[in-house]
Amino acid sequence: MEAFKARLRALLGDDLVSLRLFGSRARGEGSEESDLDVLVVLRRRDRVLCRRIVEAALDVDLAHDTNLAPTVLSVAEFEASRECRTPFYGNVETESVAF
């Protein structure tokens, strides 16, 4: 996660608002084969940024033998999820770990 965070900071700078691990690994229930569910919240989101984030995740996967599964949302999308109290937001709120 630290390697991924460093890559995203270099790639996105201040556009990176939040990076959180959630899912089975965050709950301590994952195995070595489990993916790392990562929420990436950006000031703004577009296709180019999403593609770059996925490429960075693949680079980190290859270098560290991991399986990052990024979910990329803008601040506005994340706030809408919060307002609607979606199950996704509930899971992130209760089980995630900030990086």
N, C-alpha and C. Protein backbone atom coordinates (compact mmCIF):
# COMPACT_ATOMS: atom_id res chain seq x y z
N MET A 1 0.83 -1.20 0.00
CA MET A 1 0.00 0.00 0.00
C MET A 1 0.87 1.25 0.00
N GLU A 2 1.95 1.21 0.73
CA GLU A 2 2.82 2.38 0.76
C GLU A 2 3.43 2.67 -0.62
N ALA A 3 3.79 1.62 -1.34
CA ALA A 3 4.34 1.80 -2.69
C ALA A 3 3.29 2.40 -3.61
N PHE A 4 2.06 1.91 -3.49
CA PHE A 4 0.97 2.43 -4.32
C PHE A 4 0.69 3.89 -3.96
N LYS A 5 0.66 4.19 -2.69
CA LYS A 5 0.44 5.56 -2.24
C LYS A 5 1.51 6.50 -2.80
N ALA A 6 2.76 6.07 -2.75
CA ALA A 6 3.86 6.90 -3.27
C ALA A 6 3.68 7.14 -4.76
N ARG A 7 3.32 6.09 -5.50
CA ARG A 7 3.09 6.24 -6.95
C ARG A 7 1.96 7.21 -7.22
N LEU A 8 0.86 7.09 -6.47
CA LEU A 8 -0.28 7.98 -6.69
C LEU A 8 0.04 9.41 -6.32
N ARG A 9 0.77 9.62 -5.23
CA ARG A 9 1.16 10.98 -4.85
C ARG A 9 1.99 11.63 -5.95
N ALA A 10 2.93 10.86 -6.51
CA ALA A 10 3.77 11.39 -7.59
C ALA A 10 2.94 11.66 -8.84
N LEU A 11 1.99 10.80 -9.12
CA LEU A 11 1.17 10.90 -10.32
C LEU A 11 0.09 11.99 -10.20
N LEU A 12 -0.54 12.08 -9.03
CA LEU A 12 -1.73 12.92 -8.88
C LEU A 12 -1.52 14.19 -8.07
N GLY A 13 -0.52 14.23 -7.24
CA GLY A 13 -0.28 15.40 -6.39
C GLY A 13 -1.49 15.71 -5.52
N ASP A 14 -1.91 16.97 -5.54
CA ASP A 14 -3.03 17.41 -4.71
C ASP A 14 -4.38 16.90 -5.17
N ASP A 15 -4.46 16.29 -6.35
CA ASP A 15 -5.73 15.72 -6.80
C ASP A 15 -6.11 14.48 -6.00
N LEU A 16 -5.13 13.85 -5.34
CA LEU A 16 -5.42 12.69 -4.50
C LEU A 16 -5.93 13.19 -3.15
N VAL A 17 -7.18 12.88 -2.84
CA VAL A 17 -7.81 13.33 -1.61
C VAL A 17 -7.71 12.27 -0.52
N SER A 18 -7.95 11.02 -0.90
CA SER A 18 -7.98 9.94 0.09
C SER A 18 -7.61 8.62 -0.55
N LEU A 19 -6.95 7.78 0.24
CA LEU A 19 -6.59 6.42 -0.18
C LEU A 19 -6.91 5.51 0.98
N ARG A 20 -7.82 4.56 0.77
CA ARG A 20 -8.28 3.70 1.85
C ARG A 20 -8.33 2.24 1.42
N LEU A 21 -7.84 1.37 2.28
CA LEU A 21 -7.96 -0.07 2.09
C LEU A 21 -9.28 -0.50 2.71
N PHE A 22 -10.07 -1.30 1.98
CA PHE A 22 -11.33 -1.81 2.52
C PHE A 22 -11.48 -3.26 2.07
N GLY A 23 -12.53 -3.90 2.48
CA GLY A 23 -12.77 -5.28 2.08
C GLY A 23 -12.14 -6.27 3.04
N SER A 24 -11.99 -7.50 2.57
CA SER A 24 -11.54 -8.59 3.44
C SER A 24 -10.18 -8.34 4.07
N ARG A 25 -9.27 -7.75 3.34
CA ARG A 25 -7.94 -7.47 3.90
C ARG A 25 -8.01 -6.45 5.02
N ALA A 26 -8.84 -5.43 4.86
CA ALA A 26 -8.99 -4.41 5.91
C ALA A 26 -9.64 -5.01 7.16
N ARG A 27 -10.53 -5.99 6.96
CA ARG A 27 -11.19 -6.64 8.09
C ARG A 27 -10.31 -7.71 8.73
N GLY A 28 -9.17 -8.00 8.11
CA GLY A 28 -8.30 -9.05 8.63
C GLY A 28 -8.77 -10.44 8.29
N GLU A 29 -9.64 -10.56 7.28
CA GLU A 29 -10.21 -11.84 6.89
C GLU A 29 -9.63 -12.38 5.59
N GLY A 30 -8.80 -11.60 4.93
CA GLY A 30 -8.28 -11.99 3.63
C GLY A 30 -7.15 -12.99 3.75
N SER A 31 -6.90 -13.68 2.65
CA SER A 31 -5.78 -14.61 2.57
C SER A 31 -4.70 -13.98 1.67
N GLU A 32 -3.61 -14.68 1.50
CA GLU A 32 -2.55 -14.20 0.61
C GLU A 32 -3.06 -14.03 -0.82
N GLU A 33 -4.07 -14.79 -1.20
CA GLU A 33 -4.62 -14.71 -2.56
C GLU A 33 -5.66 -13.61 -2.71
N SER A 34 -6.12 -13.05 -1.60
CA SER A 34 -7.16 -12.01 -1.66
C SER A 34 -6.61 -10.74 -2.30
N ASP A 35 -7.47 -10.08 -3.06
CA ASP A 35 -7.05 -8.80 -3.62
C ASP A 35 -7.07 -7.73 -2.54
N LEU A 36 -6.45 -6.63 -2.85
CA LEU A 36 -6.43 -5.47 -1.95
C LEU A 36 -7.40 -4.45 -2.53
N ASP A 37 -8.58 -4.37 -1.93
CA ASP A 37 -9.58 -3.40 -2.38
C ASP A 37 -9.16 -2.02 -1.88
N VAL A 38 -8.97 -1.10 -2.81
CA VAL A 38 -8.47 0.22 -2.46
C VAL A 38 -9.41 1.29 -3.04
N LEU A 39 -9.86 2.17 -2.17
CA LEU A 39 -10.66 3.30 -2.61
C LEU A 39 -9.74 4.49 -2.83
N VAL A 40 -9.79 5.04 -4.03
CA VAL A 40 -9.00 6.22 -4.39
C VAL A 40 -10.00 7.35 -4.64
N VAL A 41 -9.95 8.39 -3.81
CA VAL A 41 -10.86 9.53 -3.97
C VAL A 41 -10.04 10.70 -4.51
N LEU A 42 -10.53 11.25 -5.62
CA LEU A 42 -9.84 12.35 -6.32
C LEU A 42 -10.68 13.62 -6.32
N ARG A 43 -10.02 14.74 -6.41
CA ARG A 43 -10.74 16.02 -6.54
C ARG A 43 -11.61 15.99 -7.79
N ARG A 44 -11.04 15.46 -8.86
CA ARG A 44 -11.79 15.30 -10.11
C ARG A 44 -11.40 13.95 -10.70
N ARG A 45 -12.33 13.36 -11.43
CA ARG A 45 -12.05 12.04 -12.02
C ARG A 45 -12.35 12.11 -13.50
N ASP A 46 -11.46 11.54 -14.28
CA ASP A 46 -11.70 11.41 -15.71
C ASP A 46 -11.04 10.12 -16.20
N ARG A 47 -11.29 9.79 -17.45
CA ARG A 47 -10.78 8.52 -18.01
C ARG A 47 -9.27 8.43 -17.98
N VAL A 48 -8.62 9.52 -18.29
CA VAL A 48 -7.16 9.51 -18.33
C VAL A 48 -6.59 9.22 -16.95
N LEU A 49 -7.11 9.89 -15.92
CA LEU A 49 -6.64 9.65 -14.56
C LEU A 49 -6.93 8.22 -14.12
N CYS A 50 -8.11 7.72 -14.44
CA CYS A 50 -8.45 6.35 -14.08
C CYS A 50 -7.49 5.35 -14.73
N ARG A 51 -7.20 5.57 -15.98
CA ARG A 51 -6.27 4.68 -16.70
C ARG A 51 -4.89 4.73 -16.05
N ARG A 52 -4.42 5.91 -15.68
CA ARG A 52 -3.11 6.04 -15.05
C ARG A 52 -3.08 5.36 -13.69
N ILE A 53 -4.17 5.44 -12.95
CA ILE A 53 -4.23 4.79 -11.64
C ILE A 53 -4.20 3.27 -11.80
N VAL A 54 -4.93 2.76 -12.76
CA VAL A 54 -4.91 1.31 -13.02
C VAL A 54 -3.52 0.86 -13.46
N GLU A 55 -2.87 1.64 -14.30
CA GLU A 55 -1.50 1.31 -14.72
C GLU A 55 -0.54 1.32 -13.54
N ALA A 56 -0.69 2.30 -12.66
CA ALA A 56 0.16 2.36 -11.46
C ALA A 56 -0.10 1.14 -10.57
N ALA A 57 -1.35 0.74 -10.44
CA ALA A 57 -1.68 -0.44 -9.64
C ALA A 57 -1.04 -1.69 -10.24
N LEU A 58 -1.08 -1.82 -11.56
CA LEU A 58 -0.46 -2.98 -12.22
C LEU A 58 1.06 -2.98 -12.02
N ASP A 59 1.68 -1.83 -12.10
CA ASP A 59 3.12 -1.74 -11.86
C ASP A 59 3.47 -2.18 -10.45
N VAL A 60 2.69 -1.72 -9.47
CA VAL A 60 2.93 -2.10 -8.08
C VAL A 60 2.66 -3.60 -7.89
N ASP A 61 1.62 -4.10 -8.52
CA ASP A 61 1.32 -5.54 -8.45
C ASP A 61 2.51 -6.37 -8.92
N LEU A 62 3.06 -6.00 -10.05
CA LEU A 62 4.19 -6.75 -10.60
C LEU A 62 5.44 -6.64 -9.73
N ALA A 63 5.68 -5.47 -9.19
CA ALA A 63 6.88 -5.26 -8.38
C ALA A 63 6.78 -5.90 -6.99
N HIS A 64 5.57 -6.01 -6.46
CA HIS A 64 5.41 -6.46 -5.07
C HIS A 64 4.56 -7.71 -4.93
N ASP A 65 4.21 -8.35 -6.04
CA ASP A 65 3.41 -9.57 -6.03
C ASP A 65 2.12 -9.39 -5.23
N THR A 66 1.38 -8.35 -5.57
CA THR A 66 0.10 -8.06 -4.93
C THR A 66 -1.00 -8.12 -5.98
N ASN A 67 -2.20 -7.84 -5.55
CA ASN A 67 -3.34 -7.79 -6.47
C ASN A 67 -4.23 -6.62 -6.06
N LEU A 68 -3.80 -5.41 -6.41
CA LEU A 68 -4.57 -4.21 -6.09
C LEU A 68 -5.82 -4.13 -6.95
N ALA A 69 -6.92 -3.76 -6.32
CA ALA A 69 -8.19 -3.59 -7.03
C ALA A 69 -8.73 -2.19 -6.70
N PRO A 70 -8.24 -1.16 -7.44
CA PRO A 70 -8.67 0.20 -7.11
C PRO A 70 -10.09 0.52 -7.58
N THR A 71 -10.81 1.21 -6.71
CA THR A 71 -12.09 1.82 -7.04
C THR A 71 -11.84 3.32 -7.00
N VAL A 72 -12.07 4.00 -8.12
CA VAL A 72 -11.74 5.42 -8.23
C VAL A 72 -13.03 6.24 -8.26
N LEU A 73 -13.14 7.18 -7.32
CA LEU A 73 -14.29 8.06 -7.24
C LEU A 73 -13.83 9.51 -7.09
N SER A 74 -14.62 10.42 -7.59
CA SER A 74 -14.38 11.84 -7.31
C SER A 74 -14.95 12.14 -5.92
N VAL A 75 -14.57 13.27 -5.37
CA VAL A 75 -15.13 13.70 -4.09
C VAL A 75 -16.64 13.78 -4.18
N ALA A 76 -17.14 14.34 -5.28
CA ALA A 76 -18.60 14.48 -5.46
C ALA A 76 -19.29 13.11 -5.48
N GLU A 77 -18.70 12.15 -6.16
CA GLU A 77 -19.28 10.80 -6.20
C GLU A 77 -19.27 10.15 -4.82
N PHE A 78 -18.17 10.32 -4.10
CA PHE A 78 -18.08 9.75 -2.76
C PHE A 78 -19.10 10.41 -1.82
N GLU A 79 -19.25 11.72 -1.92
CA GLU A 79 -20.23 12.42 -1.09
C GLU A 79 -21.65 11.99 -1.42
N ALA A 80 -21.94 11.76 -2.69
CA ALA A 80 -23.27 11.27 -3.09
C ALA A 80 -23.53 9.90 -2.49
N SER A 81 -22.51 9.05 -2.48
CA SER A 81 -22.62 7.73 -1.86
C SER A 81 -22.89 7.86 -0.37
N ARG A 82 -22.22 8.82 0.26
CA ARG A 82 -22.44 9.08 1.69
C ARG A 82 -23.88 9.54 1.93
N GLU A 83 -24.33 10.49 1.15
CA GLU A 83 -25.68 11.03 1.34
C GLU A 83 -26.76 9.97 1.15
N CYS A 84 -26.54 9.07 0.20
CA CYS A 84 -27.52 8.01 -0.06
C CYS A 84 -27.35 6.81 0.87
N ARG A 85 -26.29 6.84 1.66
CA ARG A 85 -25.99 5.74 2.60
C ARG A 85 -25.96 4.40 1.87
N THR A 86 -25.23 4.35 0.76
CA THR A 86 -25.13 3.12 -0.01
C THR A 86 -24.40 2.05 0.80
N PRO A 87 -24.63 0.78 0.49
CA PRO A 87 -23.89 -0.29 1.16
C PRO A 87 -22.38 -0.14 0.97
N PHE A 88 -21.97 0.30 -0.21
CA PHE A 88 -20.54 0.52 -0.45
C PHE A 88 -19.99 1.53 0.54
N TYR A 89 -20.66 2.67 0.68
CA TYR A 89 -20.19 3.68 1.62
C TYR A 89 -20.18 3.13 3.04
N GLY A 90 -21.21 2.39 3.42
CA GLY A 90 -21.26 1.80 4.75
C GLY A 90 -20.06 0.91 5.03
N ASN A 91 -19.71 0.09 4.03
CA ASN A 91 -18.54 -0.79 4.19
C ASN A 91 -17.27 0.02 4.32
N VAL A 92 -17.10 1.01 3.48
CA VAL A 92 -15.89 1.84 3.55
C VAL A 92 -15.83 2.57 4.89
N GLU A 93 -16.95 3.09 5.34
CA GLU A 93 -16.98 3.83 6.60
C GLU A 93 -16.64 2.96 7.79
N THR A 94 -17.14 1.73 7.81
CA THR A 94 -16.95 0.89 9.00
C THR A 94 -15.70 0.05 8.99
N GLU A 95 -15.17 -0.28 7.81
CA GLU A 95 -14.06 -1.24 7.80
C GLU A 95 -12.77 -0.73 7.18
N SER A 96 -12.73 0.46 6.65
CA SER A 96 -11.55 0.86 5.89
C SER A 96 -10.43 1.39 6.78
N VAL A 97 -9.24 1.33 6.20
CA VAL A 97 -8.02 1.82 6.85
C VAL A 97 -7.41 2.86 5.92
N ALA A 98 -7.19 4.06 6.44
CA ALA A 98 -6.60 5.15 5.63
C ALA A 98 -5.10 4.95 5.46
N PHE A 99 -4.62 5.32 4.27
CA PHE A 99 -3.17 5.32 3.99
C PHE A 99 -2.74 6.67 3.51
